[in-house]
Amino acid sequence: MGHQDRRGAEGGDMTAKDDTNGEGSGLSRFYERYGLAPAPDGKGALMTRLPFSFEIDMRLHEAENGVAVLSVPYDKRLVGDPETGVLHGGVITALLDTACGWAVMVAPVALRSTATLDLRIDYMRPATAGEAVFSRAECYRLTRSIGFARAVAYHTDPDDPVATAQGTFILERPTPPGAAQ
């Protein structure tokens, strides 16, 4: 999954947290630049430039200094097992992948875009039917061309994970001024 346009070529970062009460600056100052839109219920920002993320109502709550927090609200359309109401594993995978991509994009370096090279996911237990799933990801290392991130998917407590992930992401850095493109 590609992750684009999260940061400017000048390296300005997205140092903002969601303010679900509608007060303060929150993520609102980044809506146009990063393709975000306020969620109808005021909880997080929708990612309009990532069609699948937008379709499943994935929300960005925090993105700063190599850390990102996202969520997917429970939706019956996303259920993988109709008998239990458990969300499809692909929803959890997309959440973890996107959270890791955001964490890499908001690491303290100038990037144009990133794309997933490798993603390993360990599923610990089924997601609880009827509950939103959150993911907190961190970019823990950057080389010249690769970013390394890890994430956990959970309901209310990251120490009680639904799944964990570790991934590598290719980094596209901005072209220096005057360089051939």
N, C-alpha and C. Protein backbone atom coordinates (compact mmCIF):
# COMPACT_ATOMS: atom_id res chain seq x y z
N MET A 1 0.84 -1.17 0.00
CA MET A 1 0.00 0.00 0.00
C MET A 1 0.89 1.23 0.00
N GLY A 2 0.68 2.16 -0.91
CA GLY A 2 1.47 3.37 -0.98
C GLY A 2 0.94 4.42 -0.01
N HIS A 3 1.85 5.20 0.53
CA HIS A 3 1.49 6.27 1.45
C HIS A 3 2.14 7.52 0.91
N GLN A 4 1.33 8.52 0.48
CA GLN A 4 1.89 9.67 -0.18
C GLN A 4 1.39 10.96 0.44
N ASP A 5 2.18 12.04 0.16
CA ASP A 5 1.78 13.40 0.48
C ASP A 5 1.48 13.64 1.94
N ARG A 6 2.20 13.00 2.83
CA ARG A 6 1.99 13.24 4.25
C ARG A 6 2.87 14.38 4.77
N ARG A 7 4.00 14.63 4.06
CA ARG A 7 4.93 15.66 4.51
C ARG A 7 5.41 16.44 3.31
N GLY A 8 5.75 17.66 3.52
CA GLY A 8 6.28 18.49 2.45
C GLY A 8 7.74 18.21 2.22
N ALA A 9 8.23 18.61 1.06
CA ALA A 9 9.63 18.42 0.71
C ALA A 9 10.55 19.18 1.66
N GLU A 10 10.05 20.22 2.27
CA GLU A 10 10.88 20.98 3.20
C GLU A 10 11.00 20.27 4.54
N GLY A 11 10.31 19.16 4.73
CA GLY A 11 10.46 18.38 5.95
C GLY A 11 9.56 18.83 7.07
N GLY A 12 8.60 19.70 6.79
CA GLY A 12 7.67 20.11 7.84
C GLY A 12 6.88 18.91 8.31
N ASP A 13 6.79 18.70 9.61
CA ASP A 13 6.12 17.50 10.08
C ASP A 13 4.70 17.78 10.51
N MET A 14 3.99 16.71 10.74
CA MET A 14 2.62 16.77 11.17
C MET A 14 2.58 16.61 12.67
N THR A 15 2.95 17.62 13.40
CA THR A 15 2.97 17.52 14.85
C THR A 15 1.61 17.96 15.38
N ALA A 16 0.68 17.04 15.34
CA ALA A 16 -0.66 17.36 15.79
C ALA A 16 -1.31 16.12 16.36
N LYS A 17 -2.18 16.35 17.29
CA LYS A 17 -2.99 15.27 17.85
C LYS A 17 -4.44 15.61 17.62
N ASP A 18 -5.25 14.59 17.48
CA ASP A 18 -6.68 14.76 17.32
C ASP A 18 -7.27 15.37 18.58
N ASP A 19 -8.11 16.35 18.38
CA ASP A 19 -8.86 16.87 19.52
C ASP A 19 -10.34 16.60 19.24
N THR A 20 -10.82 15.52 19.80
CA THR A 20 -12.17 15.05 19.48
C THR A 20 -13.25 15.96 20.05
N ASN A 21 -12.88 16.91 20.91
CA ASN A 21 -13.90 17.81 21.45
C ASN A 21 -14.13 19.02 20.56
N GLY A 22 -13.40 19.12 19.44
CA GLY A 22 -13.63 20.21 18.50
C GLY A 22 -12.93 21.50 18.87
N GLU A 23 -12.17 21.53 19.94
CA GLU A 23 -11.47 22.74 20.34
C GLU A 23 -10.00 22.60 20.00
N GLY A 24 -9.29 23.72 19.91
CA GLY A 24 -7.86 23.69 19.64
C GLY A 24 -7.58 23.44 18.18
N SER A 25 -6.29 23.32 17.83
CA SER A 25 -5.92 23.20 16.42
C SER A 25 -6.09 21.77 15.91
N GLY A 26 -5.81 20.77 16.72
CA GLY A 26 -5.96 19.38 16.30
C GLY A 26 -5.34 19.11 14.96
N LEU A 27 -5.89 18.19 14.20
CA LEU A 27 -5.40 17.85 12.87
C LEU A 27 -5.96 18.77 11.80
N SER A 28 -6.89 19.65 12.16
CA SER A 28 -7.61 20.45 11.16
C SER A 28 -6.68 21.26 10.27
N ARG A 29 -5.55 21.74 10.79
CA ARG A 29 -4.66 22.55 9.96
C ARG A 29 -3.96 21.72 8.89
N PHE A 30 -4.07 20.41 8.95
CA PHE A 30 -3.43 19.54 7.97
C PHE A 30 -4.42 18.94 6.97
N TYR A 31 -5.70 19.27 7.11
CA TYR A 31 -6.72 18.60 6.30
C TYR A 31 -6.45 18.74 4.80
N GLU A 32 -6.30 19.93 4.30
CA GLU A 32 -6.13 20.11 2.86
C GLU A 32 -4.79 19.57 2.38
N ARG A 33 -3.73 19.90 3.06
CA ARG A 33 -2.39 19.50 2.63
C ARG A 33 -2.21 17.99 2.56
N TYR A 34 -2.82 17.26 3.50
CA TYR A 34 -2.61 15.82 3.57
C TYR A 34 -3.84 15.01 3.19
N GLY A 35 -4.84 15.65 2.62
CA GLY A 35 -6.02 14.92 2.18
C GLY A 35 -6.85 14.37 3.31
N LEU A 36 -6.95 15.13 4.40
CA LEU A 36 -7.75 14.71 5.55
C LEU A 36 -9.08 15.44 5.54
N ALA A 37 -10.07 14.82 6.14
CA ALA A 37 -11.38 15.43 6.30
C ALA A 37 -11.89 15.08 7.70
N PRO A 38 -12.57 16.01 8.36
CA PRO A 38 -13.06 15.70 9.70
C PRO A 38 -14.07 14.55 9.65
N ALA A 39 -13.94 13.62 10.58
CA ALA A 39 -14.91 12.53 10.68
C ALA A 39 -16.25 13.13 11.12
N PRO A 40 -17.36 12.61 10.61
CA PRO A 40 -18.67 13.17 10.95
C PRO A 40 -18.95 13.22 12.45
N ASP A 41 -18.43 12.26 13.20
CA ASP A 41 -18.68 12.23 14.64
C ASP A 41 -17.62 13.00 15.43
N GLY A 42 -16.68 13.65 14.72
CA GLY A 42 -15.65 14.45 15.39
C GLY A 42 -14.50 13.65 15.96
N LYS A 43 -14.48 12.35 15.73
CA LYS A 43 -13.41 11.50 16.28
C LYS A 43 -12.41 11.18 15.19
N GLY A 44 -11.33 11.95 15.14
CA GLY A 44 -10.28 11.70 14.17
C GLY A 44 -10.53 12.36 12.84
N ALA A 45 -9.63 12.08 11.91
CA ALA A 45 -9.70 12.63 10.56
C ALA A 45 -9.73 11.50 9.56
N LEU A 46 -10.58 11.62 8.54
CA LEU A 46 -10.67 10.63 7.48
C LEU A 46 -9.60 10.90 6.43
N MET A 47 -9.05 9.84 5.84
CA MET A 47 -7.98 9.96 4.85
C MET A 47 -8.56 9.86 3.45
N THR A 48 -8.93 10.99 2.86
CA THR A 48 -9.63 11.01 1.59
C THR A 48 -8.74 10.62 0.41
N ARG A 49 -7.42 10.74 0.54
CA ARG A 49 -6.52 10.39 -0.57
C ARG A 49 -6.13 8.91 -0.58
N LEU A 50 -6.57 8.17 0.40
CA LEU A 50 -6.34 6.72 0.42
C LEU A 50 -7.71 6.06 0.31
N PRO A 51 -8.15 5.74 -0.92
CA PRO A 51 -9.53 5.29 -1.14
C PRO A 51 -9.98 4.13 -0.25
N PHE A 52 -9.16 3.10 -0.07
CA PHE A 52 -9.59 1.97 0.75
C PHE A 52 -9.75 2.41 2.20
N SER A 53 -8.77 3.16 2.70
CA SER A 53 -8.86 3.67 4.08
C SER A 53 -10.11 4.52 4.26
N PHE A 54 -10.41 5.34 3.28
CA PHE A 54 -11.60 6.18 3.35
C PHE A 54 -12.86 5.32 3.34
N GLU A 55 -12.88 4.30 2.49
CA GLU A 55 -14.06 3.43 2.36
C GLU A 55 -14.37 2.69 3.66
N ILE A 56 -13.34 2.29 4.40
CA ILE A 56 -13.58 1.56 5.65
C ILE A 56 -13.64 2.49 6.86
N ASP A 57 -13.65 3.81 6.60
CA ASP A 57 -13.81 4.81 7.65
C ASP A 57 -12.61 4.86 8.61
N MET A 58 -11.41 4.52 8.09
CA MET A 58 -10.20 4.58 8.90
C MET A 58 -9.94 6.03 9.30
N ARG A 59 -9.53 6.23 10.55
CA ARG A 59 -9.32 7.58 11.07
C ARG A 59 -7.92 7.76 11.62
N LEU A 60 -7.38 8.94 11.39
CA LEU A 60 -6.09 9.34 11.95
C LEU A 60 -6.36 10.18 13.18
N HIS A 61 -5.74 9.79 14.30
CA HIS A 61 -5.93 10.52 15.56
C HIS A 61 -4.68 11.27 15.98
N GLU A 62 -3.53 10.76 15.63
CA GLU A 62 -2.26 11.39 16.04
C GLU A 62 -1.21 11.05 15.00
N ALA A 63 -0.35 12.03 14.71
CA ALA A 63 0.75 11.80 13.78
C ALA A 63 1.84 12.82 14.09
N GLU A 64 2.88 12.37 14.75
CA GLU A 64 3.98 13.28 15.07
C GLU A 64 5.21 12.49 15.49
N ASN A 65 6.37 13.03 15.11
CA ASN A 65 7.65 12.50 15.57
C ASN A 65 7.79 10.98 15.43
N GLY A 66 7.37 10.44 14.31
CA GLY A 66 7.54 9.02 14.07
C GLY A 66 6.52 8.13 14.75
N VAL A 67 5.43 8.71 15.24
CA VAL A 67 4.37 7.93 15.90
C VAL A 67 3.04 8.29 15.25
N ALA A 68 2.21 7.29 15.00
CA ALA A 68 0.88 7.52 14.46
C ALA A 68 -0.13 6.63 15.19
N VAL A 69 -1.31 7.19 15.43
CA VAL A 69 -2.41 6.44 16.03
C VAL A 69 -3.60 6.56 15.09
N LEU A 70 -4.13 5.40 14.68
CA LEU A 70 -5.27 5.34 13.77
C LEU A 70 -6.32 4.42 14.36
N SER A 71 -7.52 4.44 13.78
CA SER A 71 -8.57 3.52 14.21
C SER A 71 -9.50 3.19 13.06
N VAL A 72 -10.22 2.11 13.22
CA VAL A 72 -11.32 1.74 12.34
C VAL A 72 -12.52 1.46 13.24
N PRO A 73 -13.60 2.24 13.09
CA PRO A 73 -14.80 1.97 13.89
C PRO A 73 -15.43 0.64 13.45
N TYR A 74 -16.12 0.01 14.38
CA TYR A 74 -16.80 -1.24 14.03
C TYR A 74 -17.89 -0.93 13.00
N ASP A 75 -17.97 -1.78 11.99
CA ASP A 75 -18.97 -1.64 10.93
C ASP A 75 -19.33 -3.04 10.46
N LYS A 76 -20.60 -3.35 10.43
CA LYS A 76 -21.05 -4.69 10.01
C LYS A 76 -20.60 -5.04 8.60
N ARG A 77 -20.35 -4.04 7.75
CA ARG A 77 -19.87 -4.30 6.38
C ARG A 77 -18.47 -4.91 6.39
N LEU A 78 -17.73 -4.76 7.49
CA LEU A 78 -16.35 -5.20 7.56
C LEU A 78 -16.16 -6.52 8.30
N VAL A 79 -17.26 -7.16 8.63
CA VAL A 79 -17.22 -8.41 9.39
C VAL A 79 -16.72 -9.54 8.51
N GLY A 80 -15.82 -10.34 9.06
CA GLY A 80 -15.30 -11.50 8.34
C GLY A 80 -16.04 -12.78 8.68
N ASP A 81 -16.65 -12.86 9.86
CA ASP A 81 -17.39 -14.04 10.29
C ASP A 81 -18.76 -13.59 10.78
N PRO A 82 -19.79 -13.75 9.95
CA PRO A 82 -21.13 -13.29 10.33
C PRO A 82 -21.68 -13.93 11.60
N GLU A 83 -21.24 -15.14 11.92
CA GLU A 83 -21.75 -15.79 13.13
C GLU A 83 -21.24 -15.13 14.41
N THR A 84 -20.00 -14.64 14.38
CA THR A 84 -19.42 -14.03 15.58
C THR A 84 -19.39 -12.51 15.52
N GLY A 85 -19.49 -11.93 14.32
CA GLY A 85 -19.41 -10.48 14.17
C GLY A 85 -18.00 -9.93 14.23
N VAL A 86 -17.00 -10.79 14.16
CA VAL A 86 -15.60 -10.37 14.25
C VAL A 86 -15.17 -9.70 12.93
N LEU A 87 -14.43 -8.60 13.05
CA LEU A 87 -13.92 -7.91 11.86
C LEU A 87 -13.01 -8.82 11.05
N HIS A 88 -13.03 -8.64 9.74
CA HIS A 88 -12.18 -9.39 8.82
C HIS A 88 -10.72 -9.08 9.11
N GLY A 89 -9.85 -10.09 9.03
CA GLY A 89 -8.43 -9.90 9.26
C GLY A 89 -7.80 -8.90 8.31
N GLY A 90 -8.35 -8.76 7.12
CA GLY A 90 -7.83 -7.79 6.16
C GLY A 90 -7.99 -6.35 6.64
N VAL A 91 -9.03 -6.10 7.43
CA VAL A 91 -9.22 -4.76 8.00
C VAL A 91 -8.11 -4.47 9.00
N ILE A 92 -7.78 -5.45 9.82
CA ILE A 92 -6.70 -5.29 10.81
C ILE A 92 -5.37 -5.10 10.08
N THR A 93 -5.14 -5.87 9.02
CA THR A 93 -3.92 -5.75 8.23
C THR A 93 -3.81 -4.34 7.64
N ALA A 94 -4.88 -3.86 7.03
CA ALA A 94 -4.86 -2.52 6.43
C ALA A 94 -4.60 -1.44 7.49
N LEU A 95 -5.21 -1.60 8.66
CA LEU A 95 -5.01 -0.64 9.74
C LEU A 95 -3.55 -0.62 10.18
N LEU A 96 -2.96 -1.78 10.40
CA LEU A 96 -1.57 -1.86 10.83
C LEU A 96 -0.61 -1.31 9.76
N ASP A 97 -0.84 -1.68 8.51
CA ASP A 97 -0.01 -1.22 7.41
C ASP A 97 -0.07 0.30 7.28
N THR A 98 -1.26 0.85 7.32
CA THR A 98 -1.43 2.29 7.16
C THR A 98 -0.84 3.04 8.35
N ALA A 99 -1.02 2.53 9.55
CA ALA A 99 -0.44 3.17 10.73
C ALA A 99 1.08 3.19 10.63
N CYS A 100 1.68 2.07 10.22
CA CYS A 100 3.14 2.04 10.05
C CYS A 100 3.58 3.03 8.98
N GLY A 101 2.85 3.11 7.87
CA GLY A 101 3.20 4.06 6.81
C GLY A 101 3.15 5.49 7.30
N TRP A 102 2.13 5.84 8.06
CA TRP A 102 2.04 7.19 8.62
C TRP A 102 3.20 7.44 9.59
N ALA A 103 3.53 6.49 10.42
CA ALA A 103 4.63 6.67 11.38
C ALA A 103 5.93 6.96 10.64
N VAL A 104 6.18 6.24 9.56
CA VAL A 104 7.39 6.49 8.77
C VAL A 104 7.32 7.90 8.16
N MET A 105 6.18 8.26 7.61
CA MET A 105 6.05 9.56 6.95
C MET A 105 6.21 10.73 7.91
N VAL A 106 5.88 10.55 9.17
CA VAL A 106 6.01 11.67 10.12
C VAL A 106 7.26 11.56 10.98
N ALA A 107 8.18 10.68 10.58
CA ALA A 107 9.50 10.63 11.23
C ALA A 107 10.21 11.95 10.91
N PRO A 108 11.15 12.35 11.74
CA PRO A 108 11.76 13.67 11.57
C PRO A 108 12.78 13.76 10.43
N VAL A 109 12.34 13.44 9.20
CA VAL A 109 13.14 13.63 7.99
C VAL A 109 12.19 14.05 6.87
N ALA A 110 12.73 14.66 5.83
CA ALA A 110 11.90 15.07 4.70
C ALA A 110 11.67 13.88 3.78
N LEU A 111 10.41 13.53 3.56
CA LEU A 111 10.05 12.43 2.66
C LEU A 111 8.95 12.90 1.71
N ARG A 112 8.94 12.37 0.49
CA ARG A 112 7.86 12.64 -0.45
C ARG A 112 6.79 11.56 -0.34
N SER A 113 7.21 10.31 -0.20
CA SER A 113 6.25 9.22 -0.10
C SER A 113 6.96 7.99 0.45
N THR A 114 6.17 6.98 0.69
CA THR A 114 6.70 5.69 1.13
C THR A 114 5.77 4.60 0.63
N ALA A 115 6.28 3.40 0.55
CA ALA A 115 5.47 2.24 0.16
C ALA A 115 5.95 1.03 0.95
N THR A 116 5.05 0.14 1.25
CA THR A 116 5.37 -1.05 2.03
C THR A 116 6.23 -2.00 1.22
N LEU A 117 7.36 -2.40 1.81
CA LEU A 117 8.21 -3.43 1.22
C LEU A 117 7.88 -4.80 1.79
N ASP A 118 7.75 -4.85 3.11
CA ASP A 118 7.50 -6.11 3.81
C ASP A 118 6.69 -5.81 5.05
N LEU A 119 5.74 -6.65 5.36
CA LEU A 119 4.91 -6.47 6.54
C LEU A 119 4.63 -7.83 7.15
N ARG A 120 5.03 -8.00 8.39
CA ARG A 120 4.75 -9.24 9.12
C ARG A 120 3.72 -8.92 10.18
N ILE A 121 2.68 -9.74 10.25
CA ILE A 121 1.62 -9.55 11.24
C ILE A 121 1.45 -10.81 12.05
N ASP A 122 1.38 -10.65 13.34
CA ASP A 122 1.07 -11.75 14.25
C ASP A 122 -0.29 -11.46 14.87
N TYR A 123 -1.25 -12.32 14.58
CA TYR A 123 -2.58 -12.17 15.16
C TYR A 123 -2.61 -12.87 16.51
N MET A 124 -3.00 -12.15 17.55
CA MET A 124 -3.01 -12.67 18.91
C MET A 124 -4.38 -13.23 19.32
N ARG A 125 -5.42 -12.57 18.82
CA ARG A 125 -6.79 -12.97 19.18
C ARG A 125 -7.75 -12.27 18.23
N PRO A 126 -8.99 -12.72 18.14
CA PRO A 126 -9.96 -12.02 17.29
C PRO A 126 -10.30 -10.66 17.89
N ALA A 127 -10.58 -9.72 17.03
CA ALA A 127 -11.10 -8.44 17.50
C ALA A 127 -12.47 -8.68 18.11
N THR A 128 -12.82 -7.89 19.10
CA THR A 128 -14.11 -8.03 19.77
C THR A 128 -15.21 -7.42 18.91
N ALA A 129 -16.25 -8.20 18.64
CA ALA A 129 -17.37 -7.71 17.83
C ALA A 129 -17.98 -6.47 18.46
N GLY A 130 -18.28 -5.49 17.64
CA GLY A 130 -18.93 -4.28 18.11
C GLY A 130 -18.00 -3.18 18.59
N GLU A 131 -16.70 -3.44 18.64
CA GLU A 131 -15.75 -2.45 19.16
C GLU A 131 -14.82 -1.94 18.06
N ALA A 132 -14.47 -0.65 18.15
CA ALA A 132 -13.48 -0.06 17.26
C ALA A 132 -12.12 -0.70 17.54
N VAL A 133 -11.27 -0.71 16.52
CA VAL A 133 -9.90 -1.19 16.68
C VAL A 133 -8.96 -0.02 16.43
N PHE A 134 -8.00 0.16 17.32
CA PHE A 134 -6.99 1.20 17.22
C PHE A 134 -5.65 0.58 16.86
N SER A 135 -4.77 1.39 16.31
CA SER A 135 -3.40 0.96 16.07
C SER A 135 -2.47 2.11 16.40
N ARG A 136 -1.43 1.79 17.15
CA ARG A 136 -0.37 2.76 17.44
C ARG A 136 0.89 2.21 16.80
N ALA A 137 1.50 3.02 15.93
CA ALA A 137 2.71 2.60 15.22
C ALA A 137 3.84 3.59 15.51
N GLU A 138 5.05 3.06 15.49
CA GLU A 138 6.22 3.91 15.64
C GLU A 138 7.26 3.54 14.61
N CYS A 139 7.89 4.56 14.05
CA CYS A 139 9.03 4.37 13.17
C CYS A 139 10.25 4.37 14.08
N TYR A 140 10.94 3.25 14.17
CA TYR A 140 12.03 3.15 15.13
C TYR A 140 13.41 3.25 14.49
N ARG A 141 13.48 3.23 13.15
CA ARG A 141 14.78 3.39 12.50
C ARG A 141 14.57 3.81 11.05
N LEU A 142 15.46 4.69 10.59
CA LEU A 142 15.48 5.10 9.19
C LEU A 142 16.90 4.95 8.66
N THR A 143 17.02 4.41 7.46
CA THR A 143 18.29 4.44 6.75
C THR A 143 18.09 5.43 5.59
N ARG A 144 19.04 5.49 4.69
CA ARG A 144 18.88 6.41 3.56
C ARG A 144 17.68 6.05 2.69
N SER A 145 17.36 4.75 2.59
CA SER A 145 16.30 4.35 1.67
C SER A 145 15.20 3.48 2.29
N ILE A 146 15.35 3.07 3.55
CA ILE A 146 14.38 2.17 4.18
C ILE A 146 13.96 2.73 5.54
N GLY A 147 12.66 2.63 5.83
CA GLY A 147 12.14 2.95 7.15
C GLY A 147 11.65 1.68 7.82
N PHE A 148 11.84 1.58 9.12
CA PHE A 148 11.43 0.40 9.88
C PHE A 148 10.38 0.84 10.90
N ALA A 149 9.28 0.13 10.93
CA ALA A 149 8.19 0.50 11.84
C ALA A 149 7.60 -0.74 12.50
N ARG A 150 6.99 -0.52 13.66
CA ARG A 150 6.25 -1.60 14.35
C ARG A 150 4.96 -1.00 14.88
N ALA A 151 3.97 -1.86 15.03
CA ALA A 151 2.65 -1.38 15.45
C ALA A 151 1.93 -2.45 16.25
N VAL A 152 0.94 -1.99 16.99
CA VAL A 152 0.05 -2.88 17.74
C VAL A 152 -1.38 -2.46 17.45
N ALA A 153 -2.26 -3.45 17.24
CA ALA A 153 -3.69 -3.20 17.08
C ALA A 153 -4.38 -3.65 18.36
N TYR A 154 -5.32 -2.84 18.85
CA TYR A 154 -5.94 -3.11 20.14
C TYR A 154 -7.30 -2.41 20.21
N HIS A 155 -8.05 -2.73 21.26
CA HIS A 155 -9.33 -2.03 21.49
C HIS A 155 -9.13 -0.86 22.44
N THR A 156 -8.81 -1.13 23.68
CA THR A 156 -8.63 -0.05 24.65
C THR A 156 -7.26 -0.07 25.30
N ASP A 157 -6.59 -1.21 25.27
CA ASP A 157 -5.32 -1.37 25.96
C ASP A 157 -4.28 -1.98 25.04
N PRO A 158 -3.24 -1.21 24.67
CA PRO A 158 -2.19 -1.77 23.80
C PRO A 158 -1.48 -2.98 24.39
N ASP A 159 -1.58 -3.17 25.70
CA ASP A 159 -0.98 -4.34 26.33
C ASP A 159 -1.84 -5.59 26.18
N ASP A 160 -3.01 -5.45 25.57
CA ASP A 160 -3.90 -6.57 25.27
C ASP A 160 -4.18 -6.56 23.76
N PRO A 161 -3.15 -6.86 22.95
CA PRO A 161 -3.26 -6.66 21.51
C PRO A 161 -4.15 -7.67 20.79
N VAL A 162 -4.77 -7.18 19.74
CA VAL A 162 -5.45 -8.02 18.77
C VAL A 162 -4.40 -8.59 17.82
N ALA A 163 -3.45 -7.74 17.44
CA ALA A 163 -2.37 -8.14 16.53
C ALA A 163 -1.20 -7.18 16.67
N THR A 164 -0.03 -7.65 16.24
CA THR A 164 1.14 -6.79 16.18
C THR A 164 1.72 -6.88 14.77
N ALA A 165 2.50 -5.87 14.41
CA ALA A 165 3.09 -5.85 13.08
C ALA A 165 4.48 -5.25 13.13
N GLN A 166 5.28 -5.66 12.19
CA GLN A 166 6.59 -5.06 11.97
C GLN A 166 6.78 -4.99 10.47
N GLY A 167 7.24 -3.84 9.99
CA GLY A 167 7.36 -3.69 8.55
C GLY A 167 8.53 -2.82 8.14
N THR A 168 8.86 -2.94 6.85
CA THR A 168 9.86 -2.09 6.23
C THR A 168 9.20 -1.33 5.09
N PHE A 169 9.65 -0.11 4.90
CA PHE A 169 9.03 0.80 3.94
C PHE A 169 10.11 1.50 3.13
N ILE A 170 9.93 1.51 1.80
CA ILE A 170 10.86 2.23 0.94
C ILE A 170 10.60 3.72 1.11
N LEU A 171 11.66 4.51 1.13
CA LEU A 171 11.54 5.95 1.32
C LEU A 171 11.82 6.68 0.01
N GLU A 172 10.94 7.57 -0.36
CA GLU A 172 11.20 8.46 -1.49
C GLU A 172 11.46 9.84 -0.91
N ARG A 173 12.70 10.27 -1.06
CA ARG A 173 13.09 11.57 -0.54
C ARG A 173 12.88 12.64 -1.61
N PRO A 174 12.71 13.89 -1.21
CA PRO A 174 12.52 14.95 -2.20
C PRO A 174 13.77 15.14 -3.05
N THR A 175 13.56 15.56 -4.27
CA THR A 175 14.68 15.87 -5.16
C THR A 175 15.28 17.21 -4.73
N PRO A 176 16.58 17.25 -4.51
CA PRO A 176 17.19 18.52 -4.10
C PRO A 176 17.00 19.58 -5.19
N PRO A 177 16.85 20.84 -4.81
CA PRO A 177 16.70 21.90 -5.80
C PRO A 177 17.87 21.89 -6.79
N GLY A 178 17.56 22.00 -8.07
CA GLY A 178 18.60 22.03 -9.09
C GLY A 178 19.07 20.67 -9.56
N ALA A 179 18.65 19.60 -8.91
CA ALA A 179 19.06 18.24 -9.31
C ALA A 179 18.18 17.77 -10.46
N ALA A 180 18.75 16.94 -11.32
CA ALA A 180 17.98 16.36 -12.44
C ALA A 180 16.92 15.42 -11.89
N GLN A 181 15.74 15.46 -12.51
CA GLN A 181 14.67 14.59 -12.02
C GLN A 181 14.49 13.39 -12.86
